[in-house]
Amino acid sequence: MASVVETVKELAKPITDQLELDLWDVEFKKEGSSYFLRIYIDRDEGVSINDCENVSRAIDPILDEVDPIEQSYCLEVCSAGLVRELRTTAHINKFLGRTVELGFYKVPEGYKTKKMDAKLISADDENITVQMGEEEKTFERKAISKIKIDLVD
């Protein structure tokens, strides 16, 4: 049985494709006593409030019909943002050559901190290769807690 996130991704993808937007991510989480379904969209030239509204209006009746979520929730459609987490291999590969902040679950051997800035060189589902100064280093993806990029810089 598909998860809520996977089901919503499948439902939202044709909508974002039709509107010439990228479906960046979907999350379903409980915050306090409320549940939130967030659909993050992106486009190279940026996302407007109208883009968010168009996706929301298109997906809302489909979600009502398919009804993949048992409890009540708040639907939010938002831009992926200028500062964003890179969660998938596709996300990482979109920004090869850019500097990111890596967060690790524990301090990597030979390093002094769990956070470091590095330039993305390559990635697959198992590993990520980055450049720090003149050194290239490959880390296992499962050791990385977060990869964040700031597109303002």
C-alpha atoms as a PDB file:
ATOM      1  CA  MET A   1       0.000   0.000   0.000  1.00  0.00           C
ATOM      2  CA  ALA A   2       1.420   3.365  -1.059  1.00  0.00           C
ATOM      3  CA  SER A   3       2.123   5.991   1.565  1.00  0.00           C
ATOM      4  CA  VAL A   4       0.169   9.246   1.675  1.00  0.00           C
ATOM      5  CA  VAL A   5       3.220  11.098   0.340  1.00  0.00           C
ATOM      6  CA  GLU A   6       3.705   8.702  -2.594  1.00  0.00           C
ATOM      7  CA  THR A   7      -0.020   8.766  -3.443  1.00  0.00           C
ATOM      8  CA  VAL A   8      -0.115  12.570  -3.398  1.00  0.00           C
ATOM      9  CA  LYS A   9       3.042  12.754  -5.537  1.00  0.00           C
ATOM     10  CA  GLU A  10       1.366  10.528  -8.129  1.00  0.00           C
ATOM     11  CA  LEU A  11      -1.770  12.690  -8.078  1.00  0.00           C
ATOM     12  CA  ALA A  12       0.087  16.025  -8.151  1.00  0.00           C
ATOM     13  CA  LYS A  13       2.704  15.228 -10.820  1.00  0.00           C
ATOM     14  CA  PRO A  14       0.348  15.449 -13.842  1.00  0.00           C
ATOM     15  CA  ILE A  15      -0.973  18.770 -12.508  1.00  0.00           C
ATOM     16  CA  THR A  16       2.460  20.311 -12.021  1.00  0.00           C
ATOM     17  CA  ASP A  17       3.567  18.984 -15.419  1.00  0.00           C
ATOM     18  CA  GLN A  18       0.532  20.545 -17.100  1.00  0.00           C
ATOM     19  CA  LEU A  19       1.247  23.884 -15.397  1.00  0.00           C
ATOM     20  CA  GLU A  20       4.932  23.657 -16.415  1.00  0.00           C
ATOM     21  CA  LEU A  21       6.080  23.425 -12.800  1.00  0.00           C
ATOM     22  CA  ASP A  22       8.392  20.980 -11.056  1.00  0.00           C
ATOM     23  CA  LEU A  23       6.924  18.935  -8.229  1.00  0.00           C
ATOM     24  CA  TRP A  24       9.764  19.484  -5.762  1.00  0.00           C
ATOM     25  CA  ASP A  25       8.485  17.535  -2.768  1.00  0.00           C
ATOM     26  CA  VAL A  26       5.449  16.451  -0.753  1.00  0.00           C
ATOM     27  CA  GLU A  27       5.279  16.086   3.000  1.00  0.00           C
ATOM     28  CA  PHE A  28       2.541  14.989   5.351  1.00  0.00           C
ATOM     29  CA  LYS A  29       3.189  15.685   9.005  1.00  0.00           C
ATOM     30  CA  LYS A  30       1.567  16.346  12.317  1.00  0.00           C
ATOM     31  CA  GLU A  31       2.390  19.656  13.952  1.00  0.00           C
ATOM     32  CA  GLY A  32       0.836  20.086  17.348  1.00  0.00           C
ATOM     33  CA  SER A  33      -2.678  18.706  17.091  1.00  0.00           C
ATOM     34  CA  SER A  34      -3.031  19.429  13.340  1.00  0.00           C
ATOM     35  CA  TYR A  35      -1.972  17.545  10.226  1.00  0.00           C
ATOM     36  CA  PHE A  36      -0.477  19.345   7.228  1.00  0.00           C
ATOM     37  CA  LEU A  37      -0.150  18.164   3.648  1.00  0.00           C
ATOM     38  CA  ARG A  38       2.443  20.347   1.933  1.00  0.00           C
ATOM     39  CA  ILE A  39       3.116  20.249  -1.768  1.00  0.00           C
ATOM     40  CA  TYR A  40       6.302  22.076  -2.757  1.00  0.00           C
ATOM     41  CA  ILE A  41       6.617  23.332  -6.314  1.00  0.00           C
ATOM     42  CA  ASP A  42       9.481  24.890  -8.242  1.00  0.00           C
ATOM     43  CA  ARG A  43      10.358  26.478 -11.566  1.00  0.00           C
ATOM     44  CA  ASP A  44      13.720  27.791 -12.750  1.00  0.00           C
ATOM     45  CA  GLU A  45      12.337  31.316 -13.126  1.00  0.00           C
ATOM     46  CA  GLY A  46      10.596  31.178  -9.753  1.00  0.00           C
ATOM     47  CA  VAL A  47       7.142  30.386  -8.400  1.00  0.00           C
ATOM     48  CA  SER A  48       4.361  32.921  -7.918  1.00  0.00           C
ATOM     49  CA  ILE A  49       1.426  32.901  -5.519  1.00  0.00           C
ATOM     50  CA  ASN A  50      -0.753  32.274  -8.591  1.00  0.00           C
ATOM     51  CA  ASP A  51       1.204  29.093  -9.332  1.00  0.00           C
ATOM     52  CA  CYS A  52       0.562  27.881  -5.778  1.00  0.00           C
ATOM     53  CA  GLU A  53      -3.111  28.772  -6.051  1.00  0.00           C
ATOM     54  CA  ASN A  54      -3.469  27.020  -9.424  1.00  0.00           C
ATOM     55  CA  VAL A  55      -1.963  23.793  -8.083  1.00  0.00           C
ATOM     56  CA  SER A  56      -4.089  23.984  -4.942  1.00  0.00           C
ATOM     57  CA  ARG A  57      -7.311  24.491  -6.914  1.00  0.00           C
ATOM     58  CA  ALA A  58      -6.461  21.628  -9.270  1.00  0.00           C
ATOM     59  CA  ILE A  59      -5.382  19.085  -6.641  1.00  0.00           C
ATOM     60  CA  ASP A  60      -8.061  19.806  -4.016  1.00  0.00           C
ATOM     61  CA  PRO A  61     -11.001  18.095  -5.794  1.00  0.00           C
ATOM     62  CA  ILE A  62      -8.781  15.137  -6.726  1.00  0.00           C
ATOM     63  CA  LEU A  63      -7.738  14.687  -3.097  1.00  0.00           C
ATOM     64  CA  ASP A  64     -11.401  14.868  -2.064  1.00  0.00           C
ATOM     65  CA  GLU A  65     -12.287  12.166  -4.590  1.00  0.00           C
ATOM     66  CA  VAL A  66      -9.365   9.794  -3.943  1.00  0.00           C
ATOM     67  CA  ASP A  67      -9.413  10.528  -0.181  1.00  0.00           C
ATOM     68  CA  PRO A  68      -5.908   9.174   0.643  1.00  0.00           C
ATOM     69  CA  ILE A  69      -5.831  10.769   4.112  1.00  0.00           C
ATOM     70  CA  GLU A  70      -8.062   9.510   6.934  1.00  0.00           C
ATOM     71  CA  GLN A  71      -7.828  12.475   9.285  1.00  0.00           C
ATOM     72  CA  SER A  72      -8.613  16.115   8.610  1.00  0.00           C
ATOM     73  CA  TYR A  73      -5.643  18.142   7.393  1.00  0.00           C
ATOM     74  CA  CYS A  74      -4.630  21.517   6.015  1.00  0.00           C
ATOM     75  CA  LEU A  75      -3.442  21.581   2.396  1.00  0.00           C
ATOM     76  CA  GLU A  76      -0.606  23.986   1.654  1.00  0.00           C
ATOM     77  CA  VAL A  77       0.984  24.483  -1.759  1.00  0.00           C
ATOM     78  CA  CYS A  78       4.205  26.470  -1.553  1.00  0.00           C
ATOM     79  CA  SER A  79       7.398  27.337  -3.349  1.00  0.00           C
ATOM     80  CA  ALA A  80      10.358  25.101  -2.600  1.00  0.00           C
ATOM     81  CA  GLY A  81      12.017  28.330  -1.427  1.00  0.00           C
ATOM     82  CA  LEU A  82      15.351  30.024  -1.909  1.00  0.00           C
ATOM     83  CA  VAL A  83      16.820  28.075   1.010  1.00  0.00           C
ATOM     84  CA  ARG A  84      15.816  24.453   0.655  1.00  0.00           C
ATOM     85  CA  GLU A  85      16.697  20.947   1.591  1.00  0.00           C
ATOM     86  CA  LEU A  86      17.932  18.639  -1.154  1.00  0.00           C
ATOM     87  CA  ARG A  87      16.291  15.318  -0.319  1.00  0.00           C
ATOM     88  CA  THR A  88      16.532  13.237  -3.482  1.00  0.00           C
ATOM     89  CA  THR A  89      19.290  12.308  -5.894  1.00  0.00           C
ATOM     90  CA  ALA A  90      17.486  14.358  -8.560  1.00  0.00           C
ATOM     91  CA  HIS A  91      17.503  17.391  -6.244  1.00  0.00           C
ATOM     92  CA  ILE A  92      21.233  17.025  -5.653  1.00  0.00           C
ATOM     93  CA  ASN A  93      22.059  16.475  -9.314  1.00  0.00           C
ATOM     94  CA  LYS A  94      20.145  19.636 -10.270  1.00  0.00           C
ATOM     95  CA  PHE A  95      22.641  21.672  -8.248  1.00  0.00           C
ATOM     96  CA  LEU A  96      25.963  20.004  -9.087  1.00  0.00           C
ATOM     97  CA  GLY A  97      28.773  22.538  -8.879  1.00  0.00           C
ATOM     98  CA  ARG A  98      26.957  24.583  -6.224  1.00  0.00           C
ATOM     99  CA  THR A  99      27.948  24.926  -2.584  1.00  0.00           C
ATOM    100  CA  VAL A 100      25.715  23.289   0.000  1.00  0.00           C
ATOM    101  CA  GLU A 101      25.687  22.815   3.746  1.00  0.00           C
ATOM    102  CA  LEU A 102      26.011  19.175   4.737  1.00  0.00           C
ATOM    103  CA  GLY A 103      24.741  17.972   8.098  1.00  0.00           C
ATOM    104  CA  PHE A 104      25.796  14.599   9.455  1.00  0.00           C
ATOM    105  CA  TYR A 105      24.243  12.355  12.105  1.00  0.00           C
ATOM    106  CA  LYS A 106      27.675  12.120  13.752  1.00  0.00           C
ATOM    107  CA  VAL A 107      31.015  13.812  13.135  1.00  0.00           C
ATOM    108  CA  PRO A 108      32.681  12.111  10.138  1.00  0.00           C
ATOM    109  CA  GLU A 109      36.054  10.523  10.800  1.00  0.00           C
ATOM    110  CA  GLY A 110      38.830  13.055  10.283  1.00  0.00           C
ATOM    111  CA  TYR A 111      36.545  16.069  10.770  1.00  0.00           C
ATOM    112  CA  LYS A 112      35.740  18.260  13.780  1.00  0.00           C
ATOM    113  CA  THR A 113      32.096  19.133  13.196  1.00  0.00           C
ATOM    114  CA  LYS A 114      28.790  17.627  12.071  1.00  0.00           C
ATOM    115  CA  LYS A 115      28.182  20.524   9.641  1.00  0.00           C
ATOM    116  CA  MET A 116      30.325  21.624   6.736  1.00  0.00           C
ATOM    117  CA  ASP A 117      30.066  23.540   3.484  1.00  0.00           C
ATOM    118  CA  ALA A 118      31.070  21.729   0.325  1.00  0.00           C
ATOM    119  CA  LYS A 119      30.658  21.897  -3.449  1.00  0.00           C
ATOM    120  CA  LEU A 120      28.491  19.149  -4.972  1.00  0.00           C
ATOM    121  CA  ILE A 121      30.413  16.976  -7.437  1.00  0.00           C
ATOM    122  CA  SER A 122      28.177  13.913  -7.931  1.00  0.00           C
ATOM    123  CA  ALA A 123      25.518  11.829  -6.249  1.00  0.00           C
ATOM    124  CA  ASP A 124      23.666   8.570  -6.551  1.00  0.00           C
ATOM    125  CA  ASP A 125      21.261   6.809  -4.202  1.00  0.00           C
ATOM    126  CA  GLU A 126      24.119   5.447  -2.062  1.00  0.00           C
ATOM    127  CA  ASN A 127      26.840   8.130  -2.031  1.00  0.00           C
ATOM    128  CA  ILE A 128      27.517  11.806  -2.486  1.00  0.00           C
ATOM    129  CA  THR A 129      30.846  13.251  -3.620  1.00  0.00           C
ATOM    130  CA  VAL A 130      31.755  16.790  -2.649  1.00  0.00           C
ATOM    131  CA  GLN A 131      34.748  19.086  -2.917  1.00  0.00           C
ATOM    132  CA  MET A 132      36.102  20.870   0.137  1.00  0.00           C
ATOM    133  CA  GLY A 133      39.017  23.088  -0.792  1.00  0.00           C
ATOM    134  CA  GLU A 134      41.190  20.983  -3.075  1.00  0.00           C
ATOM    135  CA  GLU A 135      40.001  17.670  -1.636  1.00  0.00           C
ATOM    136  CA  GLU A 136      37.198  15.523  -3.066  1.00  0.00           C
ATOM    137  CA  LYS A 137      35.460  13.334  -0.516  1.00  0.00           C
ATOM    138  CA  THR A 138      32.711  10.718  -0.888  1.00  0.00           C
ATOM    139  CA  PHE A 139      30.235  10.164   1.944  1.00  0.00           C
ATOM    140  CA  GLU A 140      27.520   7.563   2.326  1.00  0.00           C
ATOM    141  CA  ARG A 141      24.108   9.200   1.946  1.00  0.00           C
ATOM    142  CA  LYS A 142      22.812   7.352   5.010  1.00  0.00           C
ATOM    143  CA  ALA A 143      25.387   9.222   7.145  1.00  0.00           C
ATOM    144  CA  ILE A 144      24.023  12.602   6.017  1.00  0.00           C
ATOM    145  CA  SER A 145      21.134  14.081   7.976  1.00  0.00           C
ATOM    146  CA  LYS A 146      20.554  17.122   5.781  1.00  0.00           C
ATOM    147  CA  ILE A 147      21.782  18.773   2.597  1.00  0.00           C
ATOM    148  CA  LYS A 148      20.761  22.414   2.382  1.00  0.00           C
ATOM    149  CA  ILE A 149      21.306  24.925  -0.411  1.00  0.00           C
ATOM    150  CA  ASP A 150      20.921  28.693  -0.276  1.00  0.00           C
ATOM    151  CA  LEU A 151      19.974  29.955  -3.746  1.00  0.00           C
ATOM    152  CA  VAL A 152      20.311  33.590  -2.666  1.00  0.00           C
ATOM    153  CA  ASP A 153      24.116  33.340  -2.723  1.00  0.00           C
END
